[in-house]
Protein backbone atom coordinates (compact mmCIF):
# COMPACT_ATOMS: atom_id res chain seq x y z
CA MET A 1 18.48 8.11 -3.94
CA ALA A 2 18.00 6.93 -7.50
CA GLN A 3 16.86 10.36 -8.68
CA ILE A 4 17.35 13.69 -6.90
CA LYS A 5 14.62 16.24 -7.44
CA LYS A 6 13.00 18.76 -5.12
CA LEU A 7 9.22 18.63 -5.14
CA VAL A 8 7.65 22.08 -5.01
CA GLY A 9 4.48 23.19 -3.24
CA ILE A 10 3.81 19.98 -1.32
CA LYS A 11 1.25 20.32 1.47
CA ALA A 12 0.43 16.65 2.05
CA CYS A 13 2.31 13.35 1.83
CA VAL A 14 0.04 10.39 1.17
CA PHE A 15 1.17 6.78 1.32
CA ASP A 16 -0.06 3.51 -0.02
CA ALA A 17 -0.23 1.01 2.84
CA TYR A 18 0.46 -2.53 1.69
CA GLY A 19 3.97 -3.00 0.35
CA THR A 20 4.83 0.63 0.99
CA LEU A 21 4.43 1.17 4.76
CA PHE A 22 3.65 -2.45 5.67
CA ASP A 23 5.49 -5.63 4.71
CA VAL A 24 2.89 -7.84 3.02
CA HIS A 25 5.22 -10.83 3.18
CA SER A 26 5.59 -10.71 6.95
CA PRO A 27 2.62 -13.05 7.71
CA VAL A 28 4.11 -15.92 5.74
CA GLY A 29 7.52 -15.06 7.16
CA ARG A 30 6.22 -15.60 10.69
CA VAL A 31 4.95 -19.11 9.91
CA ALA A 32 7.49 -20.08 7.25
CA GLY A 33 8.48 -23.16 9.21
CA LYS A 34 4.97 -24.58 8.83
CA LEU A 35 5.00 -24.02 5.06
CA GLY A 36 8.50 -25.32 4.44
CA ASP A 37 9.83 -24.92 0.92
CA LYS A 38 6.44 -23.61 -0.26
CA ALA A 39 6.58 -20.48 1.91
CA GLN A 40 7.90 -18.10 -0.74
CA ALA A 41 5.58 -19.43 -3.42
CA VAL A 42 2.56 -19.01 -1.15
CA SER A 43 3.53 -15.47 -0.20
CA ASP A 44 4.19 -14.41 -3.79
CA MET A 45 0.96 -15.92 -5.10
CA TRP A 46 -1.06 -14.44 -2.24
CA ARG A 47 0.21 -10.98 -3.12
CA LEU A 48 -0.30 -11.47 -6.86
CA LYS A 49 -3.90 -12.62 -6.44
CA HIS A 50 -4.57 -9.91 -3.85
CA LEU A 51 -3.83 -7.31 -6.51
CA SER A 52 -5.37 -9.06 -9.51
CA TYR A 53 -8.62 -9.83 -7.69
CA SER A 54 -9.00 -6.19 -6.69
CA TRP A 55 -8.47 -5.07 -10.31
CA LEU A 56 -10.85 -7.70 -11.68
CA ARG A 57 -13.56 -6.82 -9.17
CA ALA A 58 -13.18 -3.13 -10.05
CA LEU A 59 -13.63 -3.93 -13.76
CA MET A 60 -16.59 -6.21 -13.03
CA GLY A 61 -18.28 -3.70 -10.73
CA GLU A 62 -18.26 -6.32 -7.96
CA TYR A 63 -16.76 -4.52 -4.97
CA VAL A 64 -16.48 -6.38 -1.68
CA PRO A 65 -14.48 -5.39 1.41
CA PHE A 66 -10.75 -5.96 1.09
CA TRP A 67 -10.86 -8.44 3.94
CA GLN A 68 -12.88 -10.78 1.74
CA VAL A 69 -10.41 -10.32 -1.12
CA THR A 70 -7.58 -11.06 1.32
CA GLY A 71 -9.17 -14.37 2.25
CA GLU A 72 -10.07 -15.32 -1.30
CA SER A 73 -6.57 -14.63 -2.59
CA LEU A 74 -5.02 -16.59 0.29
CA ASP A 75 -7.32 -19.53 -0.45
CA TYR A 76 -6.13 -19.53 -4.06
CA ALA A 77 -2.46 -19.33 -3.04
CA LEU A 78 -2.83 -22.27 -0.65
CA ALA A 79 -4.84 -24.37 -3.10
CA VAL A 80 -2.45 -23.89 -6.02
CA ASN A 81 0.39 -24.99 -3.74
CA GLY A 82 -1.50 -28.05 -2.56
CA ILE A 83 -1.95 -26.91 1.05
CA ASP A 84 -5.15 -27.88 2.89
CA ASN A 85 -4.78 -26.68 6.47
CA PRO A 86 -7.70 -24.62 7.84
CA GLU A 87 -5.88 -23.72 11.06
CA LEU A 88 -2.85 -22.42 9.18
CA ARG A 89 -5.12 -20.55 6.80
CA ASP A 90 -6.84 -18.77 9.70
CA GLU A 91 -3.50 -18.01 11.33
CA LEU A 92 -2.14 -16.42 8.15
CA LEU A 93 -5.29 -14.40 7.60
CA ASN A 94 -5.26 -13.01 11.13
CA LEU A 95 -1.56 -12.15 10.85
CA TYR A 96 -2.52 -9.77 8.05
CA LEU A 97 -4.06 -7.55 10.72
CA THR A 98 -0.69 -7.10 12.44
CA LEU A 99 1.66 -6.58 9.53
CA ASP A 100 5.20 -5.41 10.28
CA ALA A 101 5.90 -1.81 9.30
CA TYR A 102 9.08 -1.15 7.34
CA GLY A 103 11.77 0.52 9.42
CA ASP A 104 11.81 3.69 7.35
CA ALA A 105 8.07 4.29 7.74
CA VAL A 106 8.16 5.81 11.23
CA VAL A 107 11.26 7.85 10.40
CA ALA A 108 9.58 9.39 7.38
CA LEU A 109 6.22 10.05 8.99
CA LYS A 110 7.70 11.60 12.13
CA GLY A 111 9.97 13.83 10.09
CA LEU A 112 7.17 14.96 7.78
CA LYS A 113 4.97 15.88 10.74
CA LYS A 114 7.81 17.97 12.20
CA MET A 115 8.04 19.76 8.86
CA GLY A 116 4.36 20.66 9.06
CA LYS A 117 3.21 18.37 6.26
CA ALA A 118 -0.14 16.63 6.47
CA THR A 119 0.20 12.84 6.34
CA ALA A 120 -2.21 10.13 5.27
CA ILE A 121 -2.69 6.60 4.06
CA LEU A 122 -4.73 5.92 0.93
CA SER A 123 -5.32 2.20 0.64
CA ASN A 124 -7.41 -0.58 -0.82
CA GLY A 125 -7.62 -1.93 2.71
CA SER A 126 -10.88 -2.07 4.62
CA PRO A 127 -11.14 0.50 7.45
CA ASP A 128 -10.94 -2.17 10.16
CA MET A 129 -7.90 -3.78 8.54
CA LEU A 130 -6.11 -0.46 8.27
CA GLU A 131 -6.97 0.52 11.84
CA ALA A 132 -5.56 -2.76 13.14
CA ALA A 133 -2.32 -2.46 11.16
CA VAL A 134 -1.81 1.22 11.92
CA ASN A 135 -2.38 0.78 15.65
CA HIS A 136 -0.24 -2.35 15.85
CA SER A 137 2.67 -0.64 14.14
CA GLY A 138 2.42 2.61 16.10
CA LEU A 139 2.02 4.65 12.91
CA ASP A 140 -1.30 6.04 14.16
CA LYS A 141 0.56 8.74 16.11
CA HIS A 142 2.04 10.14 12.90
CA LEU A 143 -0.95 10.08 10.55
CA ASP A 144 -3.61 12.74 10.06
CA TYR A 145 -5.86 10.61 7.86
CA VAL A 146 -6.36 6.94 7.05
CA LEU A 147 -8.41 6.81 3.85
CA SER A 148 -9.95 3.61 2.51
CA VAL A 149 -11.43 2.83 -0.90
CA ALA A 150 -14.49 1.64 1.04
CA GLU A 151 -15.68 5.26 0.90
CA VAL A 152 -16.13 5.04 -2.88
CA GLY A 153 -16.67 1.30 -3.31
CA ILE A 154 -14.03 0.66 -5.95
CA TYR A 155 -10.34 -0.26 -5.87
CA LYS A 156 -7.27 1.54 -7.14
CA PRO A 157 -6.32 2.64 -9.71
CA ASP A 158 -9.77 4.15 -10.32
CA ALA A 159 -9.48 7.96 -10.28
CA ARG A 160 -12.29 8.20 -7.71
CA VAL A 161 -9.93 6.68 -5.15
CA TYR A 162 -7.25 9.34 -5.66
CA GLN A 163 -9.94 12.04 -5.63
CA LEU A 164 -10.62 11.03 -2.00
CA VAL A 165 -7.36 12.73 -1.02
CA VAL A 166 -8.36 15.98 -2.70
CA ASP A 167 -11.83 15.97 -1.16
CA ARG A 168 -10.95 14.87 2.36
CA MET A 169 -7.66 16.72 2.83
CA ASP A 170 -8.69 19.95 1.05
CA VAL A 171 -5.69 20.02 -1.27
CA GLN A 172 -5.14 20.24 -5.00
CA PRO A 173 -3.58 17.25 -6.77
CA HIS A 174 -0.29 19.07 -7.45
CA GLU A 175 0.03 19.79 -3.71
CA VAL A 176 0.17 16.07 -2.90
CA CYS A 177 3.25 13.86 -2.78
CA PHE A 178 1.88 10.35 -3.23
CA VAL A 179 4.20 7.48 -2.35
CA SER A 180 3.85 3.84 -3.32
CA ALA A 181 6.07 0.80 -3.80
CA ASN A 182 3.63 -0.50 -6.40
CA THR A 183 4.55 0.55 -9.92
CA TRP A 184 0.97 0.72 -11.21
CA ASP A 185 -0.18 2.70 -8.16
CA ALA A 186 2.57 5.31 -8.35
CA GLN A 187 1.99 5.72 -12.08
CA ALA A 188 -1.79 5.97 -11.75
CA ALA A 189 -1.34 8.59 -9.02
CA ALA A 190 1.00 10.56 -11.28
CA ASN A 191 -1.50 10.28 -14.11
CA PHE A 192 -4.18 11.66 -11.76
CA GLY A 193 -2.03 14.73 -11.11
CA PHE A 194 -0.19 13.97 -7.88
CA GLN A 195 3.56 14.47 -7.57
CA ALA A 196 4.24 10.77 -7.22
CA ALA A 197 7.25 9.04 -5.74
CA ARG A 198 7.92 5.32 -6.04
CA ILE A 199 9.98 3.58 -3.40
CA ASP A 200 11.98 0.75 -4.92
CA ARG A 201 11.35 -2.08 -2.46
CA PHE A 202 11.18 -4.88 -5.03
CA GLY A 203 13.60 -3.97 -7.84
CA LEU A 204 10.83 -3.32 -10.35
CA ILE A 205 10.77 -1.14 -13.44
CA ASP A 206 7.95 1.18 -14.50
CA GLU A 207 4.95 -0.36 -16.22
CA ASN A 208 4.01 0.51 -19.80
CA ILE A 209 0.94 2.46 -18.70
CA PRO A 210 0.16 6.19 -18.41
CA GLY A 211 1.84 8.17 -15.65
CA LYS A 212 5.46 8.74 -14.69
CA PRO A 213 6.60 9.14 -11.06
CA SER A 214 8.46 12.34 -10.27
CA LEU A 215 10.89 10.50 -7.99
CA MET A 216 12.40 7.11 -7.34
CA LEU A 217 13.35 6.50 -3.72
CA ASP A 218 15.56 3.95 -2.03
CA SER A 219 14.11 4.78 1.39
CA LEU A 220 11.08 6.66 2.66
CA ALA A 221 13.45 8.74 4.78
CA GLU A 222 14.63 10.41 1.57
CA LEU A 223 11.32 12.22 1.39
CA LEU A 224 12.54 14.56 4.13
CA ASP A 225 15.07 15.99 1.68
CA VAL A 226 12.71 16.51 -1.25
CA VAL A 227 9.44 17.92 0.11
């Protein structure tokens, strides 16, 4: 563990979905042979545009379901890499419904449930997308709530998204351990008042924005020692 610190008074552990519990690069990984040497570039650009389009739509007040954003960002990633293959595009998009879960996700969620902690996902994902991924991965058995930004019609890091946890789970912000692999998400959650933990899946450093995570984790399993 990069930092060792016991979190106090935690009643609920809430997780970002994409990049934290689910491997967003797994769809391209499954069809890498069809993309050849452009596979990594497509995957990276797809993820980058996925995030930036959600932020831009939030600023513009132009919310649409995350499934549409998923398709639009994939279309950009394919176009900028010179790939025009409708069948491959549809295959990649559908693979996003059956993302691979990281190996430490089940370990952490099962352990937290045994400890009596409430567990949840808080995600930009559309409800149907989240349901498909959660059921496919088997994480549904270890989650009390799956919360989507669709309930408020705006994407993270808007404070109304994090307020969903407080309202739906009947907890105070300081009673929540929020976990994300995304720097901006963990920091925004900390700024909101959660006890935030960032799992270091991508070797990133903190952004120069408000909010400082309470913990840095190398594995989600480490949560069992700190909450």
